[in-house]
mmCIF file of all heavy atoms, coordinates in Angstrom:
data_MODEL
# 
_entry.id   MODEL 
# 
loop_
_atom_site.group_PDB 
_atom_site.id 
_atom_site.type_symbol 
_atom_site.label_atom_id 
_atom_site.label_alt_id 
_atom_site.label_comp_id 
_atom_site.label_asym_id 
_atom_site.label_entity_id 
_atom_site.label_seq_id 
_atom_site.pdbx_PDB_ins_code 
_atom_site.Cartn_x 
_atom_site.Cartn_y 
_atom_site.Cartn_z 
_atom_site.occupancy 
_atom_site.B_iso_or_equiv 
_atom_site.pdbx_formal_charge 
_atom_site.auth_seq_id 
_atom_site.auth_comp_id 
_atom_site.auth_asym_id 
_atom_site.auth_atom_id 
_atom_site.pdbx_PDB_model_num 
ATOM 1   N N   . VAL A 1 1  ? -201.878 -4.212  23.280 1.00 0.00 ? 1  VAL A N   1 
ATOM 2   C CA  . VAL A 1 1  ? -200.617 -3.774  23.886 1.00 0.00 ? 1  VAL A CA  1 
ATOM 3   C C   . VAL A 1 1  ? -199.604 -4.909  23.801 1.00 0.00 ? 1  VAL A C   1 
ATOM 4   O O   . VAL A 1 1  ? -199.969 -6.087  23.713 1.00 0.00 ? 1  VAL A O   1 
ATOM 5   C CB  . VAL A 1 1  ? -200.789 -3.329  25.370 1.00 0.00 ? 1  VAL A CB  1 
ATOM 6   C CG1 . VAL A 1 1  ? -201.732 -2.169  25.496 1.00 0.00 ? 1  VAL A CG1 1 
ATOM 7   C CG2 . VAL A 1 1  ? -201.240 -4.493  26.240 1.00 0.00 ? 1  VAL A CG2 1 
ATOM 8   N N   . ASP A 1 2  ? -198.341 -4.522  23.849 1.00 0.00 ? 2  ASP A N   1 
ATOM 9   C CA  . ASP A 1 2  ? -197.261 -5.493  23.712 1.00 0.00 ? 2  ASP A CA  1 
ATOM 10  C C   . ASP A 1 2  ? -196.697 -5.841  25.091 1.00 0.00 ? 2  ASP A C   1 
ATOM 11  O O   . ASP A 1 2  ? -196.271 -4.966  25.833 1.00 0.00 ? 2  ASP A O   1 
ATOM 12  C CB  . ASP A 1 2  ? -196.153 -4.898  22.832 1.00 0.00 ? 2  ASP A CB  1 
ATOM 13  C CG  . ASP A 1 2  ? -194.942 -5.814  22.775 1.00 0.00 ? 2  ASP A CG  1 
ATOM 14  O OD1 . ASP A 1 2  ? -195.090 -6.922  22.228 1.00 0.00 ? 2  ASP A OD1 1 
ATOM 15  O OD2 . ASP A 1 2  ? -193.872 -5.443  23.288 1.00 0.00 ? 2  ASP A OD2 1 
ATOM 16  N N   . MET A 1 3  ? -196.712 -7.137  25.411 1.00 0.00 ? 3  MET A N   1 
ATOM 17  C CA  . MET A 1 3  ? -196.051 -7.615  26.620 1.00 0.00 ? 3  MET A CA  1 
ATOM 18  C C   . MET A 1 3  ? -194.819 -8.405  26.214 1.00 0.00 ? 3  MET A C   1 
ATOM 19  O O   . MET A 1 3  ? -194.886 -9.625  26.038 1.00 0.00 ? 3  MET A O   1 
ATOM 20  C CB  . MET A 1 3  ? -196.993 -8.488  27.460 1.00 0.00 ? 3  MET A CB  1 
ATOM 21  C CG  . MET A 1 3  ? -197.680 -7.752  28.586 1.00 0.00 ? 3  MET A CG  1 
ATOM 22  S SD  . MET A 1 3  ? -198.590 -8.883  29.681 1.00 0.00 ? 3  MET A SD  1 
ATOM 23  C CE  . MET A 1 3  ? -197.286 -9.542  30.702 1.00 0.00 ? 3  MET A CE  1 
ATOM 24  N N   . ASN A 1 4  ? -193.735 -7.682  25.979 1.00 0.00 ? 4  ASN A N   1 
ATOM 25  C CA  . ASN A 1 4  ? -192.454 -8.327  25.671 1.00 0.00 ? 4  ASN A CA  1 
ATOM 26  C C   . ASN A 1 4  ? -192.577 -9.292  24.486 1.00 0.00 ? 4  ASN A C   1 
ATOM 27  O O   . ASN A 1 4  ? -192.176 -10.448 24.552 1.00 0.00 ? 4  ASN A O   1 
ATOM 28  C CB  . ASN A 1 4  ? -191.949 -9.060  26.919 1.00 0.00 ? 4  ASN A CB  1 
ATOM 29  C CG  . ASN A 1 4  ? -190.453 -9.278  26.887 1.00 0.00 ? 4  ASN A CG  1 
ATOM 30  O OD1 . ASN A 1 4  ? -189.771 -8.858  25.962 1.00 0.00 ? 4  ASN A OD1 1 
ATOM 31  N ND2 . ASN A 1 4  ? -189.939 -9.954  27.900 1.00 0.00 ? 4  ASN A ND2 1 
ATOM 32  N N   . GLY A 1 5  ? -193.188 -8.780  23.407 1.00 0.00 ? 5  GLY A N   1 
ATOM 33  C CA  . GLY A 1 5  ? -193.336 -9.588  22.199 1.00 0.00 ? 5  GLY A CA  1 
ATOM 34  C C   . GLY A 1 5  ? -194.627 -10.379 22.133 1.00 0.00 ? 5  GLY A C   1 
ATOM 35  O O   . GLY A 1 5  ? -194.924 -11.025 21.127 1.00 0.00 ? 5  GLY A O   1 
ATOM 36  N N   . TYR A 1 6  ? -195.427 -10.353 23.216 1.00 0.00 ? 6  TYR A N   1 
ATOM 37  C CA  . TYR A 1 6  ? -196.704 -11.084 23.234 1.00 0.00 ? 6  TYR A CA  1 
ATOM 38  C C   . TYR A 1 6  ? -197.842 -10.058 23.196 1.00 0.00 ? 6  TYR A C   1 
ATOM 39  O O   . TYR A 1 6  ? -197.885 -9.128  24.000 1.00 0.00 ? 6  TYR A O   1 
ATOM 40  C CB  . TYR A 1 6  ? -196.790 -11.944 24.498 1.00 0.00 ? 6  TYR A CB  1 
ATOM 41  C CG  . TYR A 1 6  ? -198.023 -12.791 24.560 1.00 0.00 ? 6  TYR A CG  1 
ATOM 42  C CD1 . TYR A 1 6  ? -198.182 -13.896 23.716 1.00 0.00 ? 6  TYR A CD1 1 
ATOM 43  C CD2 . TYR A 1 6  ? -199.043 -12.503 25.462 1.00 0.00 ? 6  TYR A CD2 1 
ATOM 44  C CE1 . TYR A 1 6  ? -199.320 -14.686 23.763 1.00 0.00 ? 6  TYR A CE1 1 
ATOM 45  C CE2 . TYR A 1 6  ? -200.184 -13.287 25.522 1.00 0.00 ? 6  TYR A CE2 1 
ATOM 46  C CZ  . TYR A 1 6  ? -200.314 -14.371 24.672 1.00 0.00 ? 6  TYR A CZ  1 
ATOM 47  O OH  . TYR A 1 6  ? -201.452 -15.151 24.731 1.00 0.00 ? 6  TYR A OH  1 
ATOM 48  N N   . LEU A 1 7  ? -198.763 -10.220 22.255 1.00 0.00 ? 7  LEU A N   1 
ATOM 49  C CA  . LEU A 1 7  ? -199.854 -9.259  22.075 1.00 0.00 ? 7  LEU A CA  1 
ATOM 50  C C   . LEU A 1 7  ? -201.012 -9.559  23.028 1.00 0.00 ? 7  LEU A C   1 
ATOM 51  O O   . LEU A 1 7  ? -201.523 -10.681 23.062 1.00 0.00 ? 7  LEU A O   1 
ATOM 52  C CB  . LEU A 1 7  ? -200.367 -9.303  20.627 1.00 0.00 ? 7  LEU A CB  1 
ATOM 53  C CG  . LEU A 1 7  ? -201.551 -8.363  20.324 1.00 0.00 ? 7  LEU A CG  1 
ATOM 54  C CD1 . LEU A 1 7  ? -201.109 -6.910  20.336 1.00 0.00 ? 7  LEU A CD1 1 
ATOM 55  C CD2 . LEU A 1 7  ? -202.203 -8.718  18.985 1.00 0.00 ? 7  LEU A CD2 1 
ATOM 56  N N   . ILE A 1 8  ? -201.401 -8.543  23.805 1.00 0.00 ? 8  ILE A N   1 
ATOM 57  C CA  . ILE A 1 8  ? -202.610 -8.630  24.638 1.00 0.00 ? 8  ILE A CA  1 
ATOM 58  C C   . ILE A 1 8  ? -203.687 -7.823  23.923 1.00 0.00 ? 8  ILE A C   1 
ATOM 59  O O   . ILE A 1 8  ? -203.586 -6.594  23.816 1.00 0.00 ? 8  ILE A O   1 
ATOM 60  C CB  . ILE A 1 8  ? -202.377 -8.024  26.048 1.00 0.00 ? 8  ILE A CB  1 
ATOM 61  C CG1 . ILE A 1 8  ? -201.182 -8.689  26.737 1.00 0.00 ? 8  ILE A CG1 1 
ATOM 62  C CG2 . ILE A 1 8  ? -203.641 -8.131  26.896 1.00 0.00 ? 8  ILE A CG2 1 
ATOM 63  C CD1 . ILE A 1 8  ? -201.387 -10.109 27.170 1.00 0.00 ? 8  ILE A CD1 1 
ATOM 64  N N   . PRO A 1 9  ? -204.725 -8.474  23.390 1.00 0.00 ? 9  PRO A N   1 
ATOM 65  C CA  . PRO A 1 9  ? -205.749 -7.725  22.643 1.00 0.00 ? 9  PRO A CA  1 
ATOM 66  C C   . PRO A 1 9  ? -206.562 -6.813  23.576 1.00 0.00 ? 9  PRO A C   1 
ATOM 67  O O   . PRO A 1 9  ? -207.038 -7.249  24.629 1.00 0.00 ? 9  PRO A O   1 
ATOM 68  C CB  . PRO A 1 9  ? -206.651 -8.831  22.061 1.00 0.00 ? 9  PRO A CB  1 
ATOM 69  C CG  . PRO A 1 9  ? -205.903 -10.113 22.257 1.00 0.00 ? 9  PRO A CG  1 
ATOM 70  C CD  . PRO A 1 9  ? -205.000 -9.913  23.425 1.00 0.00 ? 9  PRO A CD  1 
ATOM 71  N N   . ILE A 1 10 ? -206.678 -5.544  23.202 1.00 0.00 ? 10 ILE A N   1 
ATOM 72  C CA  . ILE A 1 10 ? -207.493 -4.570  23.941 1.00 0.00 ? 10 ILE A CA  1 
ATOM 73  C C   . ILE A 1 10 ? -208.207 -3.702  22.913 1.00 0.00 ? 10 ILE A C   1 
ATOM 74  O O   . ILE A 1 10 ? -207.614 -3.320  21.892 1.00 0.00 ? 10 ILE A O   1 
ATOM 75  C CB  . ILE A 1 10 ? -206.633 -3.695  24.883 1.00 0.00 ? 10 ILE A CB  1 
ATOM 76  C CG1 . ILE A 1 10 ? -205.999 -4.560  25.977 1.00 0.00 ? 10 ILE A CG1 1 
ATOM 77  C CG2 . ILE A 1 10 ? -207.460 -2.578  25.536 1.00 0.00 ? 10 ILE A CG2 1 
ATOM 78  C CD1 . ILE A 1 10 ? -205.020 -3.838  26.871 1.00 0.00 ? 10 ILE A CD1 1 
ATOM 79  N N   . GLU A 1 11 ? -209.463 -3.394  23.159 1.00 0.00 ? 11 GLU A N   1 
ATOM 80  C CA  . GLU A 1 11 ? -210.260 -2.620  22.212 1.00 0.00 ? 11 GLU A CA  1 
ATOM 81  C C   . GLU A 1 11 ? -209.612 -1.276  21.917 1.00 0.00 ? 11 GLU A C   1 
ATOM 82  O O   . GLU A 1 11 ? -209.080 -0.617  22.815 1.00 0.00 ? 11 GLU A O   1 
ATOM 83  C CB  . GLU A 1 11 ? -211.678 -2.378  22.762 1.00 0.00 ? 11 GLU A CB  1 
ATOM 84  C CG  . GLU A 1 11 ? -212.451 -3.646  23.076 1.00 0.00 ? 11 GLU A CG  1 
ATOM 85  C CD  . GLU A 1 11 ? -212.296 -4.046  24.531 1.00 0.00 ? 11 GLU A CD  1 
ATOM 86  O OE1 . GLU A 1 11 ? -211.181 -3.847  25.071 1.00 0.00 ? 11 GLU A OE1 1 
ATOM 87  O OE2 . GLU A 1 11 ? -213.251 -4.554  25.124 1.00 0.00 ? 11 GLU A OE2 1 
ATOM 88  N N   . ARG A 1 12 ? -209.720 -0.851  20.670 1.00 0.00 ? 12 ARG A N   1 
ATOM 89  C CA  . ARG A 1 12 ? -209.104 0.397   20.231 1.00 0.00 ? 12 ARG A CA  1 
ATOM 90  C C   . ARG A 1 12 ? -209.684 1.612   20.960 1.00 0.00 ? 12 ARG A C   1 
ATOM 91  O O   . ARG A 1 12 ? -208.971 2.546   21.303 1.00 0.00 ? 12 ARG A O   1 
ATOM 92  C CB  . ARG A 1 12 ? -209.308 0.556   18.722 1.00 0.00 ? 12 ARG A CB  1 
ATOM 93  C CG  . ARG A 1 12 ? -208.638 1.805   18.141 1.00 0.00 ? 12 ARG A CG  1 
ATOM 94  C CD  . ARG A 1 12 ? -208.785 1.853   16.640 1.00 0.00 ? 12 ARG A CD  1 
ATOM 95  N NE  . ARG A 1 12 ? -208.016 0.802   15.988 1.00 0.00 ? 12 ARG A NE  1 
ATOM 96  C CZ  . ARG A 1 12 ? -208.015 0.590   14.677 1.00 0.00 ? 12 ARG A CZ  1 
ATOM 97  N NH1 . ARG A 1 12 ? -208.748 1.336   13.880 1.00 0.00 ? 12 ARG A NH1 1 
ATOM 98  N NH2 . ARG A 1 12 ? -207.284 -0.375  14.156 1.00 0.00 ? 12 ARG A NH2 1 
ATOM 99  N N   . ASP A 1 13 ? -211.008 1.597   21.204 1.00 0.00 ? 13 ASP A N   1 
ATOM 100 C CA  . ASP A 1 13 ? -211.624 2.777   21.843 1.00 0.00 ? 13 ASP A CA  1 
ATOM 101 C C   . ASP A 1 13 ? -211.144 2.946   23.293 1.00 0.00 ? 13 ASP A C   1 
ATOM 102 O O   . ASP A 1 13 ? -211.125 4.057   23.821 1.00 0.00 ? 13 ASP A O   1 
ATOM 103 C CB  . ASP A 1 13 ? -213.155 2.716   21.783 1.00 0.00 ? 13 ASP A CB  1 
ATOM 104 C CG  . ASP A 1 13 ? -213.726 1.492   22.479 1.00 0.00 ? 13 ASP A CG  1 
ATOM 105 O OD1 . ASP A 1 13 ? -212.968 0.521   22.676 1.00 0.00 ? 13 ASP A OD1 1 
ATOM 106 O OD2 . ASP A 1 13 ? -214.922 1.507   22.836 1.00 0.00 ? 13 ASP A OD2 1 
ATOM 107 N N   . VAL A 1 14 ? -210.734 1.847   23.934 1.00 0.00 ? 14 VAL A N   1 
ATOM 108 C CA  . VAL A 1 14 ? -210.167 1.940   25.292 1.00 0.00 ? 14 VAL A CA  1 
ATOM 109 C C   . VAL A 1 14 ? -208.786 2.580   25.220 1.00 0.00 ? 14 VAL A C   1 
ATOM 110 O O   . VAL A 1 14 ? -208.475 3.523   25.953 1.00 0.00 ? 14 VAL A O   1 
ATOM 111 C CB  . VAL A 1 14 ? -210.087 0.554   25.962 1.00 0.00 ? 14 VAL A CB  1 
ATOM 112 C CG1 . VAL A 1 14 ? -209.316 0.629   27.275 1.00 0.00 ? 14 VAL A CG1 1 
ATOM 113 C CG2 . VAL A 1 14 ? -211.475 -0.004  26.193 1.00 0.00 ? 14 VAL A CG2 1 
ATOM 114 N N   . LEU A 1 15 ? -207.961 2.089   24.328 1.00 0.00 ? 15 LEU A N   1 
ATOM 115 C CA  . LEU A 1 15 ? -206.597 2.608   24.191 1.00 0.00 ? 15 LEU A CA  1 
ATOM 116 C C   . LEU A 1 15 ? -206.589 4.051   23.701 1.00 0.00 ? 15 LEU A C   1 
ATOM 117 O O   . LEU A 1 15 ? -205.651 4.801   23.979 1.00 0.00 ? 15 LEU A O   1 
ATOM 118 C CB  . LEU A 1 15 ? -205.790 1.717   23.248 1.00 0.00 ? 15 LEU A CB  1 
ATOM 119 C CG  . LEU A 1 15 ? -205.579 0.276   23.747 1.00 0.00 ? 15 LEU A CG  1 
ATOM 120 C CD1 . LEU A 1 15 ? -204.842 -0.549  22.705 1.00 0.00 ? 15 LEU A CD1 1 
ATOM 121 C CD2 . LEU A 1 15 ? -204.828 0.257   25.070 1.00 0.00 ? 15 LEU A CD2 1 
ATOM 122 N N   . ALA A 1 16 ? -207.650 4.457   22.987 1.00 0.00 ? 16 ALA A N   1 
ATOM 123 C CA  . ALA A 1 16 ? -207.729 5.834   22.492 1.00 0.00 ? 16 ALA A CA  1 
ATOM 124 C C   . ALA A 1 16 ? -207.829 6.837   23.643 1.00 0.00 ? 16 ALA A C   1 
ATOM 125 O O   . ALA A 1 16 ? -207.515 8.026   23.483 1.00 0.00 ? 16 ALA A O   1 
ATOM 126 C CB  . ALA A 1 16 ? -208.925 5.985   21.556 1.00 0.00 ? 16 ALA A CB  1 
ATOM 127 N N   . LYS A 1 17 ? -208.252 6.351   24.835 1.00 0.00 ? 17 LYS A N   1 
ATOM 128 C CA  . LYS A 1 17 ? -208.368 7.251   26.008 1.00 0.00 ? 17 LYS A CA  1 
ATOM 129 C C   . LYS A 1 17 ? -207.019 7.495   26.676 1.00 0.00 ? 17 LYS A C   1 
ATOM 130 O O   . LYS A 1 17 ? -206.894 8.374   27.524 1.00 0.00 ? 17 LYS A O   1 
ATOM 131 C CB  . LYS A 1 17 ? -209.317 6.632   27.051 1.00 0.00 ? 17 LYS A CB  1 
ATOM 132 C CG  . LYS A 1 17 ? -210.738 6.405   26.553 1.00 0.00 ? 17 LYS A CG  1 
ATOM 133 C CD  . LYS A 1 17 ? -211.525 5.650   27.621 1.00 0.00 ? 17 LYS A CD  1 
ATOM 134 C CE  . LYS A 1 17 ? -212.866 5.171   27.104 1.00 0.00 ? 17 LYS A CE  1 
ATOM 135 N NZ  . LYS A 1 17 ? -213.546 4.285   28.067 1.00 0.00 ? 17 LYS A NZ  1 
ATOM 136 N N   . ALA A 1 18 ? -206.010 6.707   26.318 1.00 0.00 ? 18 ALA A N   1 
ATOM 137 C CA  . ALA A 1 18 ? -204.687 6.854   26.941 1.00 0.00 ? 18 ALA A CA  1 
ATOM 138 C C   . ALA A 1 18 ? -204.057 8.181   26.537 1.00 0.00 ? 18 ALA A C   1 
ATOM 139 O O   . ALA A 1 18 ? -204.274 8.682   25.423 1.00 0.00 ? 18 ALA A O   1 
ATOM 140 C CB  . ALA A 1 18 ? -203.783 5.697   26.526 1.00 0.00 ? 18 ALA A CB  1 
ATOM 141 N N   . THR A 1 19 ? -203.259 8.750   27.449 1.00 0.00 ? 19 THR A N   1 
ATOM 142 C CA  . THR A 1 19 ? -202.662 10.062  27.187 1.00 0.00 ? 19 THR A CA  1 
ATOM 143 C C   . THR A 1 19 ? -201.303 9.976   26.509 1.00 0.00 ? 19 THR A C   1 
ATOM 144 O O   . THR A 1 19 ? -200.727 10.982  26.146 1.00 0.00 ? 19 THR A O   1 
ATOM 145 C CB  . THR A 1 19 ? -202.513 10.844  28.513 1.00 0.00 ? 19 THR A CB  1 
ATOM 146 O OG1 . THR A 1 19 ? -201.809 10.022  29.449 1.00 0.00 ? 19 THR A OG1 1 
ATOM 147 C CG2 . THR A 1 19 ? -203.858 11.220  29.078 1.00 0.00 ? 19 THR A CG2 1 
ATOM 148 N N   . GLY A 1 20 ? -200.760 8.773   26.341 1.00 0.00 ? 20 GLY A N   1 
ATOM 149 C CA  . GLY A 1 20 ? -199.450 8.632   25.693 1.00 0.00 ? 20 GLY A CA  1 
ATOM 150 C C   . GLY A 1 20 ? -199.368 7.341   24.906 1.00 0.00 ? 20 GLY A C   1 
ATOM 151 O O   . GLY A 1 20 ? -200.392 6.760   24.517 1.00 0.00 ? 20 GLY A O   1 
ATOM 152 N N   . SER A 1 21 ? -198.148 6.851   24.705 1.00 0.00 ? 21 SER A N   1 
ATOM 153 C CA  . SER A 1 21 ? -197.936 5.637   23.904 1.00 0.00 ? 21 SER A CA  1 
ATOM 154 C C   . SER A 1 21 ? -197.928 4.378   24.752 1.00 0.00 ? 21 SER A C   1 
ATOM 155 O O   . SER A 1 21 ? -197.733 3.278   24.234 1.00 0.00 ? 21 SER A O   1 
ATOM 156 C CB  . SER A 1 21 ? -196.604 5.757   23.155 1.00 0.00 ? 21 SER A CB  1 
ATOM 157 O OG  . SER A 1 21 ? -195.538 5.877   24.098 1.00 0.00 ? 21 SER A OG  1 
ATOM 158 N N   . LYS A 1 22 ? -198.121 4.546   26.081 1.00 0.00 ? 22 LYS A N   1 
ATOM 159 C CA  . LYS A 1 22 ? -198.106 3.387   26.988 1.00 0.00 ? 22 LYS A CA  1 
ATOM 160 C C   . LYS A 1 22 ? -199.359 3.384   27.852 1.00 0.00 ? 22 LYS A C   1 
ATOM 161 O O   . LYS A 1 22 ? -200.000 4.428   28.059 1.00 0.00 ? 22 LYS A O   1 
ATOM 162 C CB  . LYS A 1 22 ? -196.883 3.449   27.913 1.00 0.00 ? 22 LYS A CB  1 
ATOM 163 C CG  . LYS A 1 22 ? -195.539 3.443   27.205 1.00 0.00 ? 22 LYS A CG  1 
ATOM 164 C CD  . LYS A 1 22 ? -194.418 3.681   28.229 1.00 0.00 ? 22 LYS A CD  1 
ATOM 165 C CE  . LYS A 1 22 ? -193.083 3.893   27.525 1.00 0.00 ? 22 LYS A CE  1 
ATOM 166 N NZ  . LYS A 1 22 ? -192.046 4.333   28.473 1.00 0.00 ? 22 LYS A NZ  1 
ATOM 167 N N   . VAL A 1 23 ? -199.684 2.215   28.357 1.00 0.00 ? 23 VAL A N   1 
ATOM 168 C CA  . VAL A 1 23 ? -200.708 2.071   29.392 1.00 0.00 ? 23 VAL A CA  1 
ATOM 169 C C   . VAL A 1 23 ? -200.132 1.195   30.495 1.00 0.00 ? 23 VAL A C   1 
ATOM 170 O O   . VAL A 1 23 ? -199.074 0.572   30.325 1.00 0.00 ? 23 VAL A O   1 
ATOM 171 C CB  . VAL A 1 23 ? -202.018 1.448   28.861 1.00 0.00 ? 23 VAL A CB  1 
ATOM 172 C CG1 . VAL A 1 23 ? -202.740 2.394   27.939 1.00 0.00 ? 23 VAL A CG1 1 
ATOM 173 C CG2 . VAL A 1 23 ? -201.749 0.095   28.208 1.00 0.00 ? 23 VAL A CG2 1 
ATOM 174 N N   . ILE A 1 24 ? -200.831 1.163   31.607 1.00 0.00 ? 24 ILE A N   1 
ATOM 175 C CA  . ILE A 1 24 ? -200.454 0.271   32.710 1.00 0.00 ? 24 ILE A CA  1 
ATOM 176 C C   . ILE A 1 24 ? -201.484 -0.848  32.755 1.00 0.00 ? 24 ILE A C   1 
ATOM 177 O O   . ILE A 1 24 ? -202.694 -0.599  32.830 1.00 0.00 ? 24 ILE A O   1 
ATOM 178 C CB  . ILE A 1 24 ? -200.429 1.029   34.051 1.00 0.00 ? 24 ILE A CB  1 
ATOM 179 C CG1 . ILE A 1 24 ? -199.321 2.081   34.060 1.00 0.00 ? 24 ILE A CG1 1 
ATOM 180 C CG2 . ILE A 1 24 ? -200.239 0.060   35.212 1.00 0.00 ? 24 ILE A CG2 1 
ATOM 181 C CD1 . ILE A 1 24 ? -199.384 3.031   35.240 1.00 0.00 ? 24 ILE A CD1 1 
ATOM 182 N N   . LEU A 1 25 ? -201.003 -2.085  32.702 1.00 0.00 ? 25 LEU A N   1 
ATOM 183 C CA  . LEU A 1 25 ? -201.888 -3.235  32.883 1.00 0.00 ? 25 LEU A CA  1 
ATOM 184 C C   . LEU A 1 25 ? -201.842 -3.649  34.351 1.00 0.00 ? 25 LEU A C   1 
ATOM 185 O O   . LEU A 1 25 ? -200.755 -3.777  34.929 1.00 0.00 ? 25 LEU A O   1 
ATOM 186 C CB  . LEU A 1 25 ? -201.443 -4.416  32.018 1.00 0.00 ? 25 LEU A CB  1 
ATOM 187 C CG  . LEU A 1 25 ? -201.397 -4.197  30.501 1.00 0.00 ? 25 LEU A CG  1 
ATOM 188 C CD1 . LEU A 1 25 ? -201.040 -5.510  29.808 1.00 0.00 ? 25 LEU A CD1 1 
ATOM 189 C CD2 . LEU A 1 25 ? -202.724 -3.660  29.983 1.00 0.00 ? 25 LEU A CD2 1 
ATOM 190 N N   . GLY A 1 26 ? -203.012 -3.836  34.951 1.00 0.00 ? 26 GLY A N   1 
ATOM 191 C CA  . GLY A 1 26 ? -203.098 -4.363  36.310 1.00 0.00 ? 26 GLY A CA  1 
ATOM 192 C C   . GLY A 1 26 ? -203.572 -5.808  36.237 1.00 0.00 ? 26 GLY A C   1 
ATOM 193 O O   . GLY A 1 26 ? -204.611 -6.085  35.627 1.00 0.00 ? 26 GLY A O   1 
# 
């Protein structure tokens, strides 16, 4: 995921569960 131009690596299979083009990072 992109944090204002900085890449936070997250596994593809996790992001595949998202329902849209964004996720929420806690």
